[in-house]
C-alpha atoms as a PDB file:
ATOM      1  CA  MET A   1      10.908  -1.907 -16.266  1.00  0.00           C
ATOM      2  CA  ALA A   2      12.547  -3.393 -13.168  1.00  0.00           C
ATOM      3  CA  ILE A   3      11.696  -5.460 -10.128  1.00  0.00           C
ATOM      4  CA  ARG A   4      12.858  -3.619  -7.029  1.00  0.00           C
ATOM      5  CA  GLU A   5      13.914  -5.032  -3.678  1.00  0.00           C
ATOM      6  CA  VAL A   6      11.068  -4.920  -1.153  1.00  0.00           C
ATOM      7  CA  ARG A   7      12.236  -3.614   2.202  1.00  0.00           C
ATOM      8  CA  GLU A   8      11.223  -5.760   5.151  1.00  0.00           C
ATOM      9  CA  ILE A   9      10.149  -5.048   8.715  1.00  0.00           C
ATOM     10  CA  GLY A  10      13.134  -3.859  10.718  1.00  0.00           C
ATOM     11  CA  ASP A  11      14.320  -1.602   7.882  1.00  0.00           C
ATOM     12  CA  GLU A  12      14.304   1.933   9.273  1.00  0.00           C
ATOM     13  CA  ILE A  13      12.940   3.435   6.040  1.00  0.00           C
ATOM     14  CA  LEU A  14       9.558   1.764   6.678  1.00  0.00           C
ATOM     15  CA  THR A  15       9.093   3.895   9.803  1.00  0.00           C
ATOM     16  CA  LYS A  16       9.775   7.294   8.220  1.00  0.00           C
ATOM     17  CA  PRO A  17       7.201   9.750   6.856  1.00  0.00           C
ATOM     18  CA  CYS A  18       7.216  10.305   3.094  1.00  0.00           C
ATOM     19  CA  LYS A  19       7.498  13.580   1.216  1.00  0.00           C
ATOM     20  CA  ALA A  20       4.793  14.873  -1.134  1.00  0.00           C
ATOM     21  CA  VAL A  21       5.438  14.616  -4.872  1.00  0.00           C
ATOM     22  CA  PRO A  22       5.320  18.196  -6.250  1.00  0.00           C
ATOM     23  CA  LYS A  23       5.443  17.319  -9.962  1.00  0.00           C
ATOM     24  CA  MET A  24       5.750  14.343 -12.292  1.00  0.00           C
ATOM     25  CA  THR A  25       9.238  13.603 -13.555  1.00  0.00           C
ATOM     26  CA  LEU A  26      10.636  10.853 -15.741  1.00  0.00           C
ATOM     27  CA  ARG A  27      12.304   9.382 -12.667  1.00  0.00           C
ATOM     28  CA  THR A  28       8.948   9.275 -10.826  1.00  0.00           C
ATOM     29  CA  LYS A  29       7.226   7.639 -13.826  1.00  0.00           C
ATOM     30  CA  ILE A  30       9.936   4.958 -13.886  1.00  0.00           C
ATOM     31  CA  LEU A  31       9.487   4.429 -10.129  1.00  0.00           C
ATOM     32  CA  ILE A  32       5.710   3.970 -10.562  1.00  0.00           C
ATOM     33  CA  HIS A  33       6.159   1.390 -13.322  1.00  0.00           C
ATOM     34  CA  ASP A  34       8.839  -0.423 -11.316  1.00  0.00           C
ATOM     35  CA  MET A  35       6.473  -0.452  -8.315  1.00  0.00           C
ATOM     36  CA  LEU A  36       3.694  -2.001 -10.414  1.00  0.00           C
ATOM     37  CA  ASP A  37       6.086  -4.617 -11.839  1.00  0.00           C
ATOM     38  CA  THR A  38       7.350  -5.409  -8.332  1.00  0.00           C
ATOM     39  CA  MET A  39       3.824  -5.664  -6.868  1.00  0.00           C
ATOM     40  CA  TYR A  40       2.736  -8.091  -9.609  1.00  0.00           C
ATOM     41  CA  GLU A  41       5.960 -10.126  -9.425  1.00  0.00           C
ATOM     42  CA  LYS A  42       5.488 -10.557  -5.648  1.00  0.00           C
ATOM     43  CA  SER A  43       1.721 -11.256  -5.994  1.00  0.00           C
ATOM     44  CA  GLY A  44       0.819  -8.259  -3.868  1.00  0.00           C
ATOM     45  CA  VAL A  45      -2.405  -6.240  -3.804  1.00  0.00           C
ATOM     46  CA  GLY A  46      -0.609  -2.963  -3.110  1.00  0.00           C
ATOM     47  CA  LEU A  47       2.797  -1.401  -2.718  1.00  0.00           C
ATOM     48  CA  ALA A  48       3.939   1.926  -1.300  1.00  0.00           C
ATOM     49  CA  ALA A  49       7.114   3.735  -2.348  1.00  0.00           C
ATOM     50  CA  PRO A  50       8.879   3.354   1.040  1.00  0.00           C
ATOM     51  CA  GLN A  51       8.583  -0.409   0.603  1.00  0.00           C
ATOM     52  CA  VAL A  52      11.043  -0.090  -2.270  1.00  0.00           C
ATOM     53  CA  GLY A  53      13.220   2.382  -0.379  1.00  0.00           C
ATOM     54  CA  ILE A  54      11.828   5.680  -1.719  1.00  0.00           C
ATOM     55  CA  LEU A  55      10.343   8.208   0.721  1.00  0.00           C
ATOM     56  CA  LYS A  56       7.719   9.629  -1.656  1.00  0.00           C
ATOM     57  CA  GLN A  57       3.935   9.672  -1.286  1.00  0.00           C
ATOM     58  CA  ILE A  58       3.151   7.130  -4.010  1.00  0.00           C
ATOM     59  CA  VAL A  59       1.090   3.956  -3.783  1.00  0.00           C
ATOM     60  CA  VAL A  60      -0.010   1.412  -6.357  1.00  0.00           C
ATOM     61  CA  ILE A  61      -2.935  -0.945  -5.801  1.00  0.00           C
ATOM     62  CA  ASP A  62      -4.614  -3.674  -7.830  1.00  0.00           C
ATOM     63  CA  ILE A  63      -7.325  -5.757  -6.176  1.00  0.00           C
ATOM     64  CA  GLY A  64      -8.114  -7.395  -9.513  1.00  0.00           C
ATOM     65  CA  ASP A  65      -9.833  -4.471 -11.255  1.00  0.00           C
ATOM     66  CA  GLY A  66      -6.699  -3.030 -12.854  1.00  0.00           C
ATOM     67  CA  PRO A  67      -3.953  -0.875 -11.388  1.00  0.00           C
ATOM     68  CA  LEU A  68      -4.539   2.301  -9.394  1.00  0.00           C
ATOM     69  CA  VAL A  69      -1.704   4.816  -9.113  1.00  0.00           C
ATOM     70  CA  LEU A  70      -2.157   7.326  -6.298  1.00  0.00           C
ATOM     71  CA  ILE A  71       0.210  10.210  -5.704  1.00  0.00           C
ATOM     72  CA  ASN A  72      -0.054  12.241  -2.480  1.00  0.00           C
ATOM     73  CA  PRO A  73      -3.158  10.280  -1.381  1.00  0.00           C
ATOM     74  CA  GLN A  74      -5.248  11.362   1.597  1.00  0.00           C
ATOM     75  CA  VAL A  75      -8.287   9.712   3.138  1.00  0.00           C
ATOM     76  CA  VAL A  76     -10.947  12.454   3.153  1.00  0.00           C
ATOM     77  CA  GLU A  77     -13.916  10.383   4.298  1.00  0.00           C
ATOM     78  CA  SER A  78     -14.482   7.020   5.952  1.00  0.00           C
ATOM     79  CA  SER A  79     -17.339   5.102   7.515  1.00  0.00           C
ATOM     80  CA  GLY A  80     -18.281   1.717   8.884  1.00  0.00           C
ATOM     81  CA  ASP A  81     -16.044  -1.005  10.205  1.00  0.00           C
ATOM     82  CA  GLN A  82     -14.585  -4.239   8.931  1.00  0.00           C
ATOM     83  CA  THR A  83     -12.211  -6.659  10.566  1.00  0.00           C
ATOM     84  CA  GLY A  84     -10.167  -9.154   8.595  1.00  0.00           C
ATOM     85  CA  GLU A  85      -6.811 -10.605   7.665  1.00  0.00           C
ATOM     86  CA  GLU A  86      -4.046  -8.392   6.371  1.00  0.00           C
ATOM     87  CA  ALA A  87      -0.629  -9.243   5.085  1.00  0.00           C
ATOM     88  CA  CYS A  88       2.185  -7.154   3.654  1.00  0.00           C
ATOM     89  CA  LEU A  89       5.045  -7.685   1.236  1.00  0.00           C
ATOM     90  CA  SER A  90       7.296  -6.075   3.859  1.00  0.00           C
ATOM     91  CA  VAL A  91       6.287  -8.692   6.462  1.00  0.00           C
ATOM     92  CA  PRO A  92       6.706 -11.922   4.485  1.00  0.00           C
ATOM     93  CA  GLY A  93       5.100 -15.133   5.692  1.00  0.00           C
ATOM     94  CA  LYS A  94       2.880 -13.414   8.260  1.00  0.00           C
ATOM     95  CA  TYR A  95      -0.634 -12.029   8.574  1.00  0.00           C
ATOM     96  CA  GLY A  96      -2.703 -10.346  11.256  1.00  0.00           C
ATOM     97  CA  ILE A  97      -6.302  -9.423  12.036  1.00  0.00           C
ATOM     98  CA  VAL A  98      -6.865  -5.673  11.593  1.00  0.00           C
ATOM     99  CA  SER A  99      -9.932  -3.425  11.842  1.00  0.00           C
ATOM    100  CA  ARG A 100     -10.331  -0.808   9.113  1.00  0.00           C
ATOM    101  CA  PRO A 101     -13.147   1.392   7.796  1.00  0.00           C
ATOM    102  CA  TYR A 102     -15.643  -0.421   5.544  1.00  0.00           C
ATOM    103  CA  TYR A 103     -15.740   2.582   3.179  1.00  0.00           C
ATOM    104  CA  VAL A 104     -13.170   5.260   2.336  1.00  0.00           C
ATOM    105  CA  LYS A 105     -12.909   8.151  -0.066  1.00  0.00           C
ATOM    106  CA  VAL A 106      -9.376   9.099  -1.066  1.00  0.00           C
ATOM    107  CA  ARG A 107      -8.240  12.261  -2.818  1.00  0.00           C
ATOM    108  CA  ALA A 108      -4.980  11.954  -4.738  1.00  0.00           C
ATOM    109  CA  HIS A 109      -3.270  12.740  -8.019  1.00  0.00           C
ATOM    110  CA  ASN A 110      -2.973  10.270 -10.868  1.00  0.00           C
ATOM    111  CA  GLU A 111       0.105   9.672 -12.984  1.00  0.00           C
ATOM    112  CA  ASP A 112      -0.669  12.835 -14.991  1.00  0.00           C
ATOM    113  CA  MET A 113      -0.841  14.834 -11.713  1.00  0.00           C
ATOM    114  CA  GLU A 114      -4.585  15.371 -12.195  1.00  0.00           C
ATOM    115  CA  GLU A 115      -6.591  15.430  -8.964  1.00  0.00           C
ATOM    116  CA  ILE A 116      -8.815  12.363  -8.610  1.00  0.00           C
ATOM    117  CA  GLU A 117     -11.097  10.835  -6.003  1.00  0.00           C
ATOM    118  CA  ILE A 118     -11.330   7.097  -5.419  1.00  0.00           C
ATOM    119  CA  GLU A 119     -14.078   5.491  -3.383  1.00  0.00           C
ATOM    120  CA  GLY A 120     -13.673   1.975  -2.076  1.00  0.00           C
ATOM    121  CA  GLU A 121     -15.423  -0.561   0.093  1.00  0.00           C
ATOM    122  CA  GLU A 122     -14.277  -3.814   1.656  1.00  0.00           C
ATOM    123  CA  LEU A 123     -10.945  -4.993   0.142  1.00  0.00           C
ATOM    124  CA  LEU A 124     -10.284  -1.755  -1.754  1.00  0.00           C
ATOM    125  CA  ALA A 125     -10.936   0.321   1.383  1.00  0.00           C
ATOM    126  CA  ARG A 126      -8.609  -1.974   3.348  1.00  0.00           C
ATOM    127  CA  ALA A 127      -5.879  -1.762   0.692  1.00  0.00           C
ATOM    128  CA  LEU A 128      -6.147   2.025   0.456  1.00  0.00           C
ATOM    129  CA  CYS A 129      -5.828   2.446   4.232  1.00  0.00           C
ATOM    130  CA  HIS A 130      -2.986  -0.085   4.474  1.00  0.00           C
ATOM    131  CA  GLU A 131      -0.909   1.517   1.708  1.00  0.00           C
ATOM    132  CA  ILE A 132      -1.582   5.107   2.805  1.00  0.00           C
ATOM    133  CA  ASP A 133      -0.468   4.134   6.334  1.00  0.00           C
ATOM    134  CA  HIS A 134       2.923   3.162   4.848  1.00  0.00           C
ATOM    135  CA  LEU A 135       3.377   6.794   3.764  1.00  0.00           C
ATOM    136  CA  SER A 136       3.297   7.843   7.427  1.00  0.00           C
ATOM    137  CA  GLY A 137       5.716   5.130   8.482  1.00  0.00           C
ATOM    138  CA  LYS A 138       2.990   2.886   9.932  1.00  0.00           C
ATOM    139  CA  LEU A 139       2.927  -0.876   9.445  1.00  0.00           C
ATOM    140  CA  TYR A 140      -0.195  -2.967   9.979  1.00  0.00           C
ATOM    141  CA  VAL A 141       1.663  -5.131  12.508  1.00  0.00           C
ATOM    142  CA  TYR A 142       1.120  -2.458  15.173  1.00  0.00           C
ATOM    143  CA  GLN A 143      -2.654  -2.512  14.598  1.00  0.00           C
ATOM    144  CA  THR A 144      -3.277  -6.242  14.801  1.00  0.00           C
ATOM    145  CA  GLU A 145      -5.852  -7.440  17.284  1.00  0.00           C
ATOM    146  CA  ASP A 146      -4.059 -10.631  18.279  1.00  0.00           C
ATOM    147  CA  GLY A 147      -0.518 -10.319  16.981  1.00  0.00           C
ATOM    148  CA  LEU A 148       1.063 -11.857  13.910  1.00  0.00           C
ATOM    149  CA  HIS A 149       0.385 -15.363  12.641  1.00  0.00           C
ATOM    150  CA  ASP A 150       2.366 -17.571  10.292  1.00  0.00           C
ATOM    151  CA  ALA A 151       0.849 -17.742   6.841  1.00  0.00           C
ATOM    152  CA  VAL A 152       0.452 -21.251   5.481  1.00  0.00           C
ATOM    153  CA  PRO A 153       2.116 -21.610   2.064  1.00  0.00           C
ATOM    154  CA  GLU A 154      -0.444 -22.427  -0.650  1.00  0.00           C
ATOM    155  CA  GLU A 155       1.095 -25.817  -1.435  1.00  0.00           C
ATOM    156  CA  GLU A 156       0.576 -26.889   2.209  1.00  0.00           C
ATOM    157  CA  GLU A 157      -3.118 -25.921   2.408  1.00  0.00           C
END
């Protein structure tokens, strides 16, 4: 597949709401695989379609347990609180402290357009909320508790 350009903060497309995906097409399947390739190439945990310039309700996530593909995802239940660092491929070199639910349940469709439910705690809950926010044109930078911080490159740690 292909590595796509990741849109960065300041790009208007990141602030627009996405449209629901009514059916699976070859073009959408290619987009999903390109999104996965791009997420892995950039060492991300998740990626939403608007981050590669497509206003469709599609997110991909992999917190280390294998890829999740969620089409038209919606948070249907959440509980608890967690506060921690978040970063984003669309805001390179930065991170912020964000509060999110500790637990979420998400209803979505998989790549075969079958309805599924995903439950997640901790990092998965955070990733689900972060990526689903992208579909409404929301970036984590507007939810930080103390602004953005410069990330220290790994070789400098």
